[in-house]
Amino acid sequence: MAKSQGRVRRSTWLLTSLILIFLCVFSCMTLVYYYVNTIKLANINEQLKNDIDTFNNIKANNQSELDHLSVMYKEVEDVDVSLKEVKESYFKLAKEADERARSGANFKVCYLTFDDGPTSKVTPKVLDVLEKENVKATFFVVGKHVKEHPEIVKRAYEEGHFIANHGYSHNNRLLYKDDESFCNEILCTDEEISKAIGVSNYCSHVFRFPNGFASSNYKYKKKNIVNVLKKINYVYVDWNCLNKDSEQKYSNYQLLNNLKNSAKGKETLVVLMHDTGDVNKTYDVLQDSIKYLKAQGYVFKNFYELFT
């Protein structure tokens, strides 16, 4: 009997031990399973967080691009509108002149323009003659010379003359090096004019190519560069009348005669002269030139007429 009870107790102890071992193993497995899944969940959460951050960055970048494109589109719209207005005003003058000529109206227009200045020896003398004759002109200034003589540009501006852009260096190799170089030549000249006349962000919107657009020099590049002018809200203007004061040495009589021959049969004149004095002293024949054109019935205007 005692032996039988002992066997029962041993069996019960063994069964209890096995149950405890099973419970321990099960608990360990449960803990391991929980730990592994906790790590996986943490990794999933981290990946999800990274994906959300990536999505937000992409969204922000795309929004930034959209905002940038929107601003660029608005700028292009503004440039197109302004450029269209400049062109319409400019060609309106030519159209009106042609209509007056066809109708027999005795009214002719002359725009005096001076290139390559300012210079200390010539430009003030040109301004003196213009003031005496009560004529307003247009000066296509070179940026580096504006920097040298800002007071002369300021005087011209304050006396009612139009200050237009002729590039910064008047060096074709620099001017036509590439689109960026060309654009910088224009904008740097505008900056120097702004400083000289005390007007912030001055822009004349009118450019003249050194040697003229019609010149064969750099002809191919000039045709392509016109698109750069459009982007910065500029048009270019050449001339249809000149006294050849920069070509070779002439007497005053010859300079005046060159002007007379060049002006024949034209109702609207855009006259090219220079205020440099490196070949001829244009100021010595300027007064006689103005008097001749007045006698022929020309009314003098400057490029402010493009914007009124």
Protein backbone atom coordinates (compact mmCIF):
# COMPACT_ATOMS: atom_id res chain seq x y z
CA MET A 1 0.00 0.00 0.00
CA ALA A 2 2.79 2.38 0.97
CA LYS A 3 4.65 1.55 -2.22
CA SER A 4 1.56 2.23 -4.26
CA GLN A 5 1.12 5.67 -2.69
CA GLY A 6 4.79 6.50 -3.31
CA ARG A 7 4.42 5.69 -6.97
CA VAL A 8 1.36 7.96 -7.17
CA ARG A 9 3.23 10.80 -5.54
CA ARG A 10 6.17 10.38 -7.93
CA SER A 11 3.84 10.31 -10.89
CA THR A 12 2.05 13.41 -9.68
CA TRP A 13 5.37 15.23 -9.13
CA LEU A 14 6.60 14.20 -12.58
CA LEU A 15 3.38 15.34 -14.22
CA THR A 16 3.52 18.63 -12.37
CA SER A 17 7.16 19.14 -13.38
CA LEU A 18 6.31 18.44 -17.02
CA ILE A 19 3.44 20.91 -16.89
CA LEU A 20 5.71 23.56 -15.34
CA ILE A 21 8.41 22.92 -17.95
CA PHE A 22 5.79 23.21 -20.71
CA LEU A 23 4.48 26.46 -19.25
CA CYS A 24 8.02 27.86 -19.03
CA VAL A 25 8.82 26.89 -22.62
CA PHE A 26 5.49 28.30 -23.82
CA SER A 27 6.11 31.54 -21.93
CA CYS A 28 9.59 31.84 -23.40
CA MET A 29 8.29 31.22 -26.91
CA THR A 30 5.53 33.76 -26.37
CA LEU A 31 8.06 36.34 -25.17
CA VAL A 32 10.34 35.63 -28.13
CA TYR A 33 7.42 35.86 -30.54
CA TYR A 34 6.29 39.13 -28.95
CA TYR A 35 9.84 40.55 -29.03
CA VAL A 36 10.37 39.58 -32.67
CA ASN A 37 7.04 41.04 -33.73
CA THR A 38 7.68 44.19 -31.69
CA ILE A 39 10.95 44.69 -33.60
CA LYS A 40 9.18 44.03 -36.93
CA LEU A 41 6.44 46.49 -36.00
CA ALA A 42 9.02 49.11 -35.03
CA ASN A 43 10.77 48.60 -38.39
CA ILE A 44 7.45 48.84 -40.22
CA ASN A 45 6.61 52.06 -38.34
CA GLU A 46 10.05 53.50 -39.13
CA GLN A 47 9.70 52.60 -42.80
CA LEU A 48 6.21 54.06 -42.84
CA LYS A 49 7.51 57.24 -41.22
CA ASN A 50 10.29 57.43 -43.82
CA ASP A 51 7.80 56.89 -46.63
CA ILE A 52 5.56 59.64 -45.24
CA ASP A 53 8.56 62.00 -44.95
CA THR A 54 9.60 61.15 -48.51
CA PHE A 55 6.07 61.75 -49.75
CA ASN A 56 5.89 65.10 -47.93
CA ASN A 57 9.29 66.14 -49.36
CA ILE A 58 8.20 65.19 -52.87
CA LYS A 59 4.95 67.07 -52.33
CA ALA A 60 6.82 70.14 -51.00
CA ASN A 61 9.32 70.05 -53.87
CA ASN A 62 6.58 69.69 -56.43
CA GLN A 63 4.67 72.55 -54.84
CA SER A 64 7.85 74.65 -54.88
CA GLU A 65 8.34 73.82 -58.56
CA LEU A 66 4.71 74.65 -59.27
CA ASP A 67 5.03 77.97 -57.43
CA HIS A 68 8.27 78.74 -59.32
CA LEU A 69 6.67 77.87 -62.65
CA SER A 70 3.66 80.01 -61.76
CA VAL A 71 5.92 83.00 -61.00
CA MET A 72 7.90 82.44 -64.22
CA TYR A 73 4.70 82.21 -66.24
CA LYS A 74 3.45 85.46 -64.71
CA GLU A 75 6.80 87.16 -65.49
CA VAL A 76 6.65 85.93 -69.07
CA GLU A 77 3.09 87.23 -69.35
CA ASP A 78 4.18 90.63 -68.00
CA VAL A 79 7.16 90.76 -70.38
CA ASP A 80 5.01 89.82 -73.35
CA VAL A 81 2.45 92.52 -72.48
CA SER A 82 5.11 95.22 -71.94
CA LEU A 83 7.03 94.23 -75.04
CA LYS A 84 3.87 94.26 -77.09
CA GLU A 85 3.06 97.77 -75.84
CA VAL A 86 6.55 99.02 -76.72
CA LYS A 87 6.39 97.53 -80.21
CA GLU A 88 2.87 98.83 -80.81
CA SER A 89 3.88 102.33 -79.73
CA TYR A 90 7.00 102.30 -81.86
CA PHE A 91 5.32 101.11 -85.04
CA LYS A 92 2.31 103.33 -84.42
CA LEU A 93 4.58 106.34 -84.90
CA ALA A 94 5.85 105.01 -88.22
CA LYS A 95 2.30 104.20 -89.34
CA GLU A 96 1.06 107.68 -88.42
CA ALA A 97 3.95 109.24 -90.32
CA ASP A 98 3.12 107.17 -93.40
CA GLU A 99 -0.57 108.10 -93.16
CA ARG A 100 0.31 111.78 -92.89
CA ALA A 101 2.53 111.45 -95.93
CA ARG A 102 -0.23 109.79 -97.97
CA SER A 103 -2.77 112.40 -96.91
CA GLY A 104 -0.44 115.22 -97.90
CA ALA A 105 -0.11 116.58 -94.37
CA ASN A 106 3.01 118.70 -94.04
CA PHE A 107 4.32 117.11 -90.85
CA LYS A 108 7.58 115.19 -90.58
CA VAL A 109 9.31 113.67 -87.53
CA CYS A 110 12.98 113.43 -86.68
CA TYR A 111 14.55 111.43 -83.85
CA LEU A 112 18.13 112.52 -83.21
CA THR A 113 20.18 109.70 -81.65
CA PHE A 114 23.74 109.73 -80.34
CA ASP A 115 25.80 106.56 -79.85
CA ASP A 116 28.85 105.46 -77.85
CA GLY A 117 28.96 108.15 -75.15
CA PRO A 118 29.06 109.78 -72.80
CA THR A 119 32.43 111.48 -73.18
CA SER A 120 33.66 114.46 -71.22
CA LYS A 121 34.94 116.32 -74.32
CA VAL A 122 31.94 115.97 -76.64
CA THR A 123 28.68 115.08 -74.88
CA PRO A 124 28.41 118.35 -72.87
CA LYS A 125 28.91 120.35 -76.08
CA VAL A 126 26.19 118.30 -77.81
CA LEU A 127 23.89 118.96 -74.86
CA ASP A 128 24.64 122.68 -75.07
CA VAL A 129 23.59 122.79 -78.75
CA LEU A 130 20.44 120.74 -78.08
CA GLU A 131 19.48 123.07 -75.25
CA LYS A 132 20.04 126.12 -77.42
CA GLU A 133 17.88 124.67 -80.23
CA ASN A 134 15.28 123.31 -77.77
CA VAL A 135 15.61 119.79 -79.20
CA LYS A 136 15.25 116.60 -77.18
CA ALA A 137 17.37 113.65 -78.35
CA THR A 138 18.04 110.02 -77.48
CA PHE A 139 21.43 108.88 -76.17
CA PHE A 140 22.44 105.25 -76.63
CA VAL A 141 25.00 105.08 -73.85
CA VAL A 142 27.80 102.59 -73.21
CA GLY A 143 27.74 101.26 -69.64
CA LYS A 144 31.45 101.63 -68.89
CA HIS A 145 31.35 105.28 -70.01
CA VAL A 146 28.26 105.91 -67.87
CA LYS A 147 30.30 104.66 -64.92
CA GLU A 148 33.11 107.08 -65.85
CA HIS A 149 30.84 110.12 -66.36
CA PRO A 150 27.60 109.66 -64.39
CA GLU A 151 27.15 113.42 -64.00
CA ILE A 152 26.86 113.86 -67.79
CA VAL A 153 24.19 111.16 -68.03
CA LYS A 154 22.34 112.77 -65.13
CA ARG A 155 22.41 116.12 -66.91
CA ALA A 156 21.11 114.62 -70.16
CA TYR A 157 18.31 112.83 -68.30
CA GLU A 158 17.30 115.90 -66.29
CA GLU A 159 17.22 118.02 -69.47
CA GLY A 160 14.60 115.70 -70.96
CA HIS A 161 16.69 113.49 -73.20
CA PHE A 162 15.99 109.77 -73.43
CA ILE A 163 18.72 107.46 -72.12
CA ALA A 164 18.81 104.19 -74.08
CA ASN A 165 21.05 101.12 -73.89
CA HIS A 166 24.07 100.43 -76.14
CA GLY A 167 25.67 97.63 -74.10
CA TYR A 168 28.35 97.84 -71.43
CA SER A 169 31.66 97.30 -73.20
CA HIS A 170 31.04 98.03 -76.91
CA ASN A 171 33.23 94.96 -77.44
CA ASN A 172 31.63 92.51 -79.84
CA ARG A 173 33.65 89.54 -78.59
CA LEU A 174 32.32 90.07 -75.08
CA LEU A 175 28.85 91.10 -76.17
CA TYR A 176 28.24 88.03 -78.33
CA LYS A 177 30.25 85.50 -76.30
CA ASP A 178 27.03 83.77 -75.20
CA ASP A 179 23.46 84.61 -74.18
CA GLU A 180 24.42 85.19 -70.55
CA SER A 181 27.22 87.58 -71.49
CA PHE A 182 24.89 89.54 -73.78
CA CYS A 183 22.21 89.77 -71.10
CA ASN A 184 24.76 90.93 -68.50
CA GLU A 185 25.95 93.69 -70.85
CA ILE A 186 22.41 95.07 -71.03
CA LEU A 187 21.55 94.71 -67.35
CA CYS A 188 24.89 96.11 -66.11
CA THR A 189 24.38 99.17 -68.31
CA ASP A 190 20.88 99.63 -66.88
CA GLU A 191 22.39 99.40 -63.40
CA GLU A 192 24.96 102.12 -64.14
CA ILE A 193 22.26 104.36 -65.65
CA SER A 194 20.12 103.84 -62.53
CA LYS A 195 23.01 104.95 -60.30
CA ALA A 196 23.78 107.96 -62.49
CA ILE A 197 20.25 109.37 -62.73
CA GLY A 198 19.04 108.26 -59.29
CA VAL A 199 16.16 106.12 -60.57
CA SER A 200 15.82 102.61 -59.14
CA ASN A 201 15.61 99.68 -61.57
CA TYR A 202 15.83 101.92 -64.64
CA CYS A 203 15.12 100.15 -67.92
CA SER A 204 14.88 102.01 -71.22
CA HIS A 205 13.45 98.95 -73.07
CA VAL A 206 15.32 100.20 -76.16
CA PHE A 207 18.66 98.76 -77.30
CA ARG A 208 20.89 99.51 -80.24
CA PHE A 209 23.40 96.93 -81.45
CA PRO A 210 26.95 98.27 -81.80
CA ASN A 211 27.38 98.82 -85.56
CA GLY A 212 23.62 98.22 -85.93
CA PHE A 213 21.53 95.09 -86.31
CA ALA A 214 21.66 95.34 -90.11
CA SER A 215 25.48 95.22 -90.12
CA SER A 216 27.03 91.97 -91.37
CA ASN A 217 29.20 91.79 -88.23
CA TYR A 218 28.07 88.84 -86.07
CA LYS A 219 24.91 88.68 -88.19
CA TYR A 220 24.02 85.09 -87.27
CA LYS A 221 24.49 85.67 -83.54
CA LYS A 222 22.47 88.88 -83.64
CA LYS A 223 19.51 87.05 -85.17
CA ASN A 224 19.57 84.51 -82.34
CA ILE A 225 20.22 87.11 -79.64
CA VAL A 226 16.98 88.94 -80.44
CA ASN A 227 15.20 86.30 -78.36
CA VAL A 228 17.32 87.30 -75.35
CA LEU A 229 16.18 90.90 -75.81
CA LYS A 230 12.56 89.75 -75.77
CA LYS A 231 13.10 87.85 -72.52
CA ILE A 232 14.38 90.98 -70.76
CA ASN A 233 11.67 93.21 -72.21
CA TYR A 234 13.75 95.01 -74.83
CA VAL A 235 13.37 95.95 -78.49
CA TYR A 236 16.19 97.07 -80.76
CA VAL A 237 16.29 100.17 -82.97
CA ASP A 238 18.61 100.92 -85.89
CA TRP A 239 18.54 104.12 -87.99
CA ASN A 240 17.54 105.25 -91.47
CA CYS A 241 19.59 108.44 -91.70
CA LEU A 242 23.18 109.36 -90.83
CA ASN A 243 25.94 111.88 -91.46
CA LYS A 244 28.71 109.22 -91.40
CA ASP A 245 30.53 111.00 -88.59
CA SER A 246 32.18 107.77 -87.36
CA GLU A 247 33.29 106.38 -90.74
CA GLN A 248 36.10 108.72 -91.78
CA LYS A 249 37.27 112.30 -91.44
CA TYR A 250 34.90 114.78 -93.13
CA SER A 251 34.63 118.55 -93.22
CA ASN A 252 31.57 120.11 -91.59
CA TYR A 253 30.20 120.82 -95.06
CA GLN A 254 30.59 117.17 -96.02
CA LEU A 255 28.94 115.97 -92.79
CA LEU A 256 25.93 118.19 -93.41
CA ASN A 257 25.75 117.10 -97.04
CA ASN A 258 25.87 113.44 -95.97
CA LEU A 259 22.90 114.11 -93.72
CA LYS A 260 20.95 115.89 -96.46
CA ASN A 261 21.48 113.04 -98.92
CA SER A 262 20.54 110.42 -96.35
CA ALA A 263 17.33 112.24 -95.35
CA LYS A 264 15.93 112.67 -98.87
CA GLY A 265 12.37 111.46 -99.37
CA LYS A 266 11.82 110.28 -95.79
CA GLU A 267 8.92 111.45 -93.64
CA THR A 268 10.30 109.89 -90.45
CA LEU A 269 14.00 110.05 -89.64
CA VAL A 270 15.98 108.16 -87.02
CA VAL A 271 19.30 109.97 -87.34
CA LEU A 272 22.54 108.32 -86.21
CA MET A 273 25.29 110.55 -84.81
CA HIS A 274 28.05 110.01 -82.25
CA ASP A 275 29.09 111.97 -79.18
CA THR A 276 32.63 110.57 -79.00
CA GLY A 277 34.63 112.94 -81.21
CA ASP A 278 37.16 110.25 -82.09
CA VAL A 279 36.72 110.79 -85.87
CA ASN A 280 34.73 114.01 -86.36
CA LYS A 281 33.56 116.84 -84.11
CA THR A 282 29.86 116.27 -84.58
CA TYR A 283 28.93 119.09 -82.22
CA ASP A 284 30.48 121.61 -84.66
CA VAL A 285 27.94 120.71 -87.36
CA LEU A 286 25.03 119.78 -85.08
CA GLN A 287 23.40 123.20 -84.95
CA ASP A 288 23.48 123.59 -88.75
CA SER A 289 22.08 120.06 -89.09
CA ILE A 290 19.17 120.87 -86.78
CA LYS A 291 18.44 124.13 -88.54
CA TYR A 292 18.42 122.38 -91.91
CA LEU A 293 16.01 119.67 -90.70
CA LYS A 294 13.72 122.28 -89.13
CA ALA A 295 13.69 124.18 -92.41
CA GLN A 296 12.62 120.96 -94.13
CA GLY A 297 9.58 120.78 -91.83
CA TYR A 298 10.77 118.15 -89.36
CA VAL A 299 9.51 118.15 -85.79
CA PHE A 300 12.04 116.77 -83.28
CA LYS A 301 11.03 114.10 -80.80
CA ASN A 302 12.82 111.51 -78.70
CA PHE A 303 12.02 107.95 -77.69
CA TYR A 304 9.82 108.99 -74.78
CA GLU A 305 7.20 109.12 -77.54
CA LEU A 306 7.29 105.30 -77.55
CA PHE A 307 5.74 105.20 -74.11
CA THR A 308 3.12 107.93 -74.30
